[in-house]
């Protein structure tokens, strides 16, 4: 089903606006991913509680978060793509490498505990972890460490209560995980 905001975007974007309608399941997400496959064009993610309606604009207490960051756009694109495929859709991946080489197929390969955390948590893996990077919601790197082990303890107690994204590097893959610091 295409709603009024979609028809306005269709008019503005022409053939660059894509509607994927082959799903047999319902998928609900309030996100707009702009140019995730083109790092030179200011990849952007717009997300939040905002419902893309006139009521959201004029009377409801809703918010929209606009993130200008190629890494965050890539993470959102990969998440959307996997969700879409899991629901039975088909979707072409980005045709260029946008900074995140490959995500692992087995999402349970890395164990992170406790999550949510008070700031101190452990990452374990059957593979050697070569590096860990942690990004805040703006996509800024707030932590980076070379590891070369199958487990690591991370301390973010000096950081704000927030949801962070971790890039966990092994020899073959880069895996994105979320960690919640309370």
C-alpha atoms as a PDB file:
ATOM      1  CA  UNK A   1       0.000   0.000   0.000  1.00  0.00           C
ATOM      2  CA  UNK A   2       1.386   3.417  -0.918  1.00  0.00           C
ATOM      3  CA  UNK A   3       0.395   6.328   1.327  1.00  0.00           C
ATOM      4  CA  UNK A   4       0.338  10.049   0.519  1.00  0.00           C
ATOM      5  CA  UNK A   5       3.931  10.723   1.688  1.00  0.00           C
ATOM      6  CA  UNK A   6       5.124   7.945  -0.628  1.00  0.00           C
ATOM      7  CA  UNK A   7       3.317   9.445  -3.600  1.00  0.00           C
ATOM      8  CA  UNK A   8       4.937  12.823  -2.846  1.00  0.00           C
ATOM      9  CA  UNK A   9       8.360  11.142  -2.750  1.00  0.00           C
ATOM     10  CA  UNK A  10       7.572   9.315  -5.996  1.00  0.00           C
ATOM     11  CA  UNK A  11       6.847  12.638  -7.675  1.00  0.00           C
ATOM     12  CA  UNK A  12      10.035  14.209  -6.331  1.00  0.00           C
ATOM     13  CA  UNK A  13      12.375  11.260  -6.924  1.00  0.00           C
ATOM     14  CA  UNK A  14      10.899   9.745 -10.076  1.00  0.00           C
ATOM     15  CA  UNK A  15      12.514   6.400 -10.960  1.00  0.00           C
ATOM     16  CA  UNK A  16      14.941   6.692  -8.029  1.00  0.00           C
ATOM     17  CA  UNK A  17      12.078   5.913  -5.604  1.00  0.00           C
ATOM     18  CA  UNK A  18      11.698   2.165  -5.105  1.00  0.00           C
ATOM     19  CA  UNK A  19       8.690   0.403  -3.557  1.00  0.00           C
ATOM     20  CA  UNK A  20       9.206  -3.239  -2.649  1.00  0.00           C
ATOM     21  CA  UNK A  21       5.802  -4.896  -2.527  1.00  0.00           C
ATOM     22  CA  UNK A  22       6.474  -8.626  -2.973  1.00  0.00           C
ATOM     23  CA  UNK A  23       6.404  -9.368   0.758  1.00  0.00           C
ATOM     24  CA  UNK A  24       3.678 -11.623   2.105  1.00  0.00           C
ATOM     25  CA  UNK A  25       4.280 -10.461   5.685  1.00  0.00           C
ATOM     26  CA  UNK A  26       3.831  -7.076   7.319  1.00  0.00           C
ATOM     27  CA  UNK A  27       7.004  -5.057   7.896  1.00  0.00           C
ATOM     28  CA  UNK A  28       6.733  -1.902   9.973  1.00  0.00           C
ATOM     29  CA  UNK A  29       9.671   0.446  10.353  1.00  0.00           C
ATOM     30  CA  UNK A  30       9.922   4.219  10.455  1.00  0.00           C
ATOM     31  CA  UNK A  31      13.147   4.766   8.589  1.00  0.00           C
ATOM     32  CA  UNK A  32      14.305   6.443   5.402  1.00  0.00           C
ATOM     33  CA  UNK A  33      17.752   5.442   4.143  1.00  0.00           C
ATOM     34  CA  UNK A  34      19.175   7.896   1.622  1.00  0.00           C
ATOM     35  CA  UNK A  35      22.067   6.852  -0.671  1.00  0.00           C
ATOM     36  CA  UNK A  36      23.560   4.136   1.571  1.00  0.00           C
ATOM     37  CA  UNK A  37      25.539   2.782  -1.397  1.00  0.00           C
ATOM     38  CA  UNK A  38      27.184   6.073  -2.344  1.00  0.00           C
ATOM     39  CA  UNK A  39      29.548   7.381   0.322  1.00  0.00           C
ATOM     40  CA  UNK A  40      30.348  10.502  -1.706  1.00  0.00           C
ATOM     41  CA  UNK A  41      26.728  11.710  -1.649  1.00  0.00           C
ATOM     42  CA  UNK A  42      26.208  12.237   2.122  1.00  0.00           C
ATOM     43  CA  UNK A  43      24.417   8.976   3.045  1.00  0.00           C
ATOM     44  CA  UNK A  44      21.662   9.810   5.527  1.00  0.00           C
ATOM     45  CA  UNK A  45      19.231   7.951   7.782  1.00  0.00           C
ATOM     46  CA  UNK A  46      15.979   9.492   8.992  1.00  0.00           C
ATOM     47  CA  UNK A  47      14.327   7.513  11.792  1.00  0.00           C
ATOM     48  CA  UNK A  48      12.385   7.986  15.015  1.00  0.00           C
ATOM     49  CA  UNK A  49       8.762   7.855  16.152  1.00  0.00           C
ATOM     50  CA  UNK A  50       7.638  10.193  13.371  1.00  0.00           C
ATOM     51  CA  UNK A  51       4.817   8.573  11.352  1.00  0.00           C
ATOM     52  CA  UNK A  52       5.175  10.581   8.111  1.00  0.00           C
ATOM     53  CA  UNK A  53       1.621  11.924   8.423  1.00  0.00           C
ATOM     54  CA  UNK A  54      -0.020  15.327   8.761  1.00  0.00           C
ATOM     55  CA  UNK A  55      -0.947  14.434  12.363  1.00  0.00           C
ATOM     56  CA  UNK A  56       2.718  13.774  13.112  1.00  0.00           C
ATOM     57  CA  UNK A  57       3.551  17.162  11.659  1.00  0.00           C
ATOM     58  CA  UNK A  58       0.805  19.222  13.278  1.00  0.00           C
ATOM     59  CA  UNK A  59      -0.500  17.705  16.518  1.00  0.00           C
ATOM     60  CA  UNK A  60       1.241  14.526  17.730  1.00  0.00           C
ATOM     61  CA  UNK A  61       4.355  14.600  19.884  1.00  0.00           C
ATOM     62  CA  UNK A  62       6.657  12.708  17.483  1.00  0.00           C
ATOM     63  CA  UNK A  63      10.314  13.021  16.626  1.00  0.00           C
ATOM     64  CA  UNK A  64      12.594  12.455  13.670  1.00  0.00           C
ATOM     65  CA  UNK A  65      16.308  11.802  14.002  1.00  0.00           C
ATOM     66  CA  UNK A  66      18.410  12.759  10.967  1.00  0.00           C
ATOM     67  CA  UNK A  67      21.824  11.080  10.851  1.00  0.00           C
ATOM     68  CA  UNK A  68      24.350  12.138   8.188  1.00  0.00           C
ATOM     69  CA  UNK A  69      26.861   9.275   8.343  1.00  0.00           C
ATOM     70  CA  UNK A  70      27.907   6.665   5.772  1.00  0.00           C
ATOM     71  CA  UNK A  71      28.616   3.961   8.378  1.00  0.00           C
ATOM     72  CA  UNK A  72      25.228   4.371  10.043  1.00  0.00           C
ATOM     73  CA  UNK A  73      23.484   4.394   6.634  1.00  0.00           C
ATOM     74  CA  UNK A  74      25.319   1.180   5.716  1.00  0.00           C
ATOM     75  CA  UNK A  75      24.309  -0.465   8.999  1.00  0.00           C
ATOM     76  CA  UNK A  76      20.654   0.505   8.496  1.00  0.00           C
ATOM     77  CA  UNK A  77      20.777  -0.689   4.858  1.00  0.00           C
ATOM     78  CA  UNK A  78      22.253  -4.055   5.875  1.00  0.00           C
ATOM     79  CA  UNK A  79      19.673  -4.472   8.635  1.00  0.00           C
ATOM     80  CA  UNK A  80      16.790  -3.565   6.314  1.00  0.00           C
ATOM     81  CA  UNK A  81      18.115  -5.865   3.586  1.00  0.00           C
ATOM     82  CA  UNK A  82      18.392  -8.820   5.959  1.00  0.00           C
ATOM     83  CA  UNK A  83      14.922  -8.186   7.419  1.00  0.00           C
ATOM     84  CA  UNK A  84      13.485  -7.918   3.911  1.00  0.00           C
ATOM     85  CA  UNK A  85      15.119 -11.186   2.826  1.00  0.00           C
ATOM     86  CA  UNK A  86      13.993 -12.919   6.043  1.00  0.00           C
ATOM     87  CA  UNK A  87      10.407 -11.921   5.198  1.00  0.00           C
ATOM     88  CA  UNK A  88      10.659 -13.503   1.742  1.00  0.00           C
ATOM     89  CA  UNK A  89      11.655 -10.534  -0.389  1.00  0.00           C
ATOM     90  CA  UNK A  90      14.576 -10.204  -2.754  1.00  0.00           C
ATOM     91  CA  UNK A  91      16.799  -7.184  -2.775  1.00  0.00           C
ATOM     92  CA  UNK A  92      19.961  -6.346  -4.679  1.00  0.00           C
ATOM     93  CA  UNK A  93      22.882  -5.422  -2.393  1.00  0.00           C
ATOM     94  CA  UNK A  94      24.916  -2.268  -2.849  1.00  0.00           C
ATOM     95  CA  UNK A  95      27.072  -2.642  -5.935  1.00  0.00           C
ATOM     96  CA  UNK A  96      30.013  -0.877  -4.308  1.00  0.00           C
ATOM     97  CA  UNK A  97      31.851  -1.476  -1.056  1.00  0.00           C
ATOM     98  CA  UNK A  98      30.705   1.214   1.364  1.00  0.00           C
ATOM     99  CA  UNK A  99      33.069   0.494   4.227  1.00  0.00           C
ATOM    100  CA  UNK A 100      31.614  -2.605   5.864  1.00  0.00           C
ATOM    101  CA  UNK A 101      33.002  -5.638   4.072  1.00  0.00           C
ATOM    102  CA  UNK A 102      30.686  -8.468   5.024  1.00  0.00           C
ATOM    103  CA  UNK A 103      28.399  -9.427   7.850  1.00  0.00           C
ATOM    104  CA  UNK A 104      28.470 -12.954   9.186  1.00  0.00           C
ATOM    105  CA  UNK A 105      25.597 -15.307   8.478  1.00  0.00           C
ATOM    106  CA  UNK A 106      25.487 -16.772  11.996  1.00  0.00           C
ATOM    107  CA  UNK A 107      24.249 -13.879  14.120  1.00  0.00           C
ATOM    108  CA  UNK A 108      24.894 -15.857  17.322  1.00  0.00           C
ATOM    109  CA  UNK A 109      28.598 -16.294  16.608  1.00  0.00           C
ATOM    110  CA  UNK A 110      29.493 -13.497  19.020  1.00  0.00           C
ATOM    111  CA  UNK A 111      28.204 -13.521  22.603  1.00  0.00           C
ATOM    112  CA  UNK A 112      27.908 -10.176  24.373  1.00  0.00           C
ATOM    113  CA  UNK A 113      26.976 -10.071  28.041  1.00  0.00           C
ATOM    114  CA  UNK A 114      25.452  -8.470  29.943  1.00  0.00           C
ATOM    115  CA  UNK A 115      23.432  -6.496  27.436  1.00  0.00           C
ATOM    116  CA  UNK A 116      22.013  -4.055  28.544  1.00  0.00           C
ATOM    117  CA  UNK A 117      25.038  -3.223  30.666  1.00  0.00           C
ATOM    118  CA  UNK A 118      26.132  -0.733  33.290  1.00  0.00           C
ATOM    119  CA  UNK A 119      29.125  -0.066  31.052  1.00  0.00           C
ATOM    120  CA  UNK A 120      31.308  -3.141  31.575  1.00  0.00           C
ATOM    121  CA  UNK A 121      30.608  -6.082  29.269  1.00  0.00           C
ATOM    122  CA  UNK A 122      32.321  -9.072  27.681  1.00  0.00           C
ATOM    123  CA  UNK A 123      32.463 -10.179  24.046  1.00  0.00           C
ATOM    124  CA  UNK A 124      33.201 -13.845  23.308  1.00  0.00           C
ATOM    125  CA  UNK A 125      33.664 -15.627  20.005  1.00  0.00           C
ATOM    126  CA  UNK A 126      34.907 -18.962  18.691  1.00  0.00           C
ATOM    127  CA  UNK A 127      36.932 -16.892  16.179  1.00  0.00           C
ATOM    128  CA  UNK A 128      39.850 -14.601  16.895  1.00  0.00           C
ATOM    129  CA  UNK A 129      38.603 -11.035  17.291  1.00  0.00           C
ATOM    130  CA  UNK A 130      41.126  -8.696  15.695  1.00  0.00           C
ATOM    131  CA  UNK A 131      39.562  -5.334  16.470  1.00  0.00           C
ATOM    132  CA  UNK A 132      36.537  -3.749  18.125  1.00  0.00           C
ATOM    133  CA  UNK A 133      35.180  -0.308  17.310  1.00  0.00           C
ATOM    134  CA  UNK A 134      32.210   1.272  19.070  1.00  0.00           C
ATOM    135  CA  UNK A 135      30.165   4.072  17.502  1.00  0.00           C
ATOM    136  CA  UNK A 136      27.638   6.384  19.121  1.00  0.00           C
ATOM    137  CA  UNK A 137      24.277   7.176  17.498  1.00  0.00           C
ATOM    138  CA  UNK A 138      25.888   9.946  15.452  1.00  0.00           C
ATOM    139  CA  UNK A 139      28.299   7.418  13.946  1.00  0.00           C
ATOM    140  CA  UNK A 140      31.279   8.873  15.809  1.00  0.00           C
ATOM    141  CA  UNK A 141      33.889   6.348  16.900  1.00  0.00           C
ATOM    142  CA  UNK A 142      34.056   6.494  20.711  1.00  0.00           C
ATOM    143  CA  UNK A 143      36.159   3.367  21.292  1.00  0.00           C
ATOM    144  CA  UNK A 144      38.666   1.343  19.290  1.00  0.00           C
ATOM    145  CA  UNK A 145      40.931  -1.480  20.359  1.00  0.00           C
ATOM    146  CA  UNK A 146      43.122  -4.114  18.700  1.00  0.00           C
ATOM    147  CA  UNK A 147      42.279  -7.445  20.373  1.00  0.00           C
ATOM    148  CA  UNK A 148      43.768 -10.647  18.806  1.00  0.00           C
ATOM    149  CA  UNK A 149      41.859 -12.949  21.198  1.00  0.00           C
ATOM    150  CA  UNK A 150      38.563 -14.854  21.396  1.00  0.00           C
ATOM    151  CA  UNK A 151      37.206 -12.670  24.190  1.00  0.00           C
ATOM    152  CA  UNK A 152      37.505  -9.130  25.457  1.00  0.00           C
ATOM    153  CA  UNK A 153      36.141  -7.086  28.330  1.00  0.00           C
ATOM    154  CA  UNK A 154      35.084  -3.558  27.412  1.00  0.00           C
ATOM    155  CA  UNK A 155      34.590  -0.689  29.852  1.00  0.00           C
ATOM    156  CA  UNK A 156      32.274   2.150  28.802  1.00  0.00           C
ATOM    157  CA  UNK A 157      31.374   3.317  32.317  1.00  0.00           C
ATOM    158  CA  UNK A 158      32.627   6.815  31.429  1.00  0.00           C
ATOM    159  CA  UNK A 159      30.101   7.037  28.560  1.00  0.00           C
ATOM    160  CA  UNK A 160      26.535   8.317  28.470  1.00  0.00           C
ATOM    161  CA  UNK A 161      23.488   6.082  28.751  1.00  0.00           C
ATOM    162  CA  UNK A 162      22.884   5.275  25.121  1.00  0.00           C
ATOM    163  CA  UNK A 163      22.595   2.580  22.473  1.00  0.00           C
ATOM    164  CA  UNK A 164      25.948   2.014  20.775  1.00  0.00           C
ATOM    165  CA  UNK A 165      26.885   0.061  17.651  1.00  0.00           C
ATOM    166  CA  UNK A 166      29.905  -2.240  17.772  1.00  0.00           C
ATOM    167  CA  UNK A 167      31.927  -3.248  14.744  1.00  0.00           C
ATOM    168  CA  UNK A 168      33.591  -6.548  15.638  1.00  0.00           C
ATOM    169  CA  UNK A 169      36.363  -7.479  13.218  1.00  0.00           C
ATOM    170  CA  UNK A 170      37.599 -11.026  12.667  1.00  0.00           C
ATOM    171  CA  UNK A 171      39.830 -12.291   9.863  1.00  0.00           C
ATOM    172  CA  UNK A 172      36.999 -12.749   7.339  1.00  0.00           C
ATOM    173  CA  UNK A 173      34.161 -10.555   8.550  1.00  0.00           C
ATOM    174  CA  UNK A 174      32.965  -7.392  10.177  1.00  0.00           C
ATOM    175  CA  UNK A 175      29.920  -7.935  12.372  1.00  0.00           C
ATOM    176  CA  UNK A 176      27.674  -5.170  13.658  1.00  0.00           C
ATOM    177  CA  UNK A 177      26.137  -5.627  17.108  1.00  0.00           C
ATOM    178  CA  UNK A 178      24.190  -3.298  19.373  1.00  0.00           C
ATOM    179  CA  UNK A 179      25.057  -2.682  23.036  1.00  0.00           C
ATOM    180  CA  UNK A 180      22.838  -0.756  25.445  1.00  0.00           C
ATOM    181  CA  UNK A 181      24.611   1.168  28.209  1.00  0.00           C
ATOM    182  CA  UNK A 182      22.340   2.204  31.085  1.00  0.00           C
END
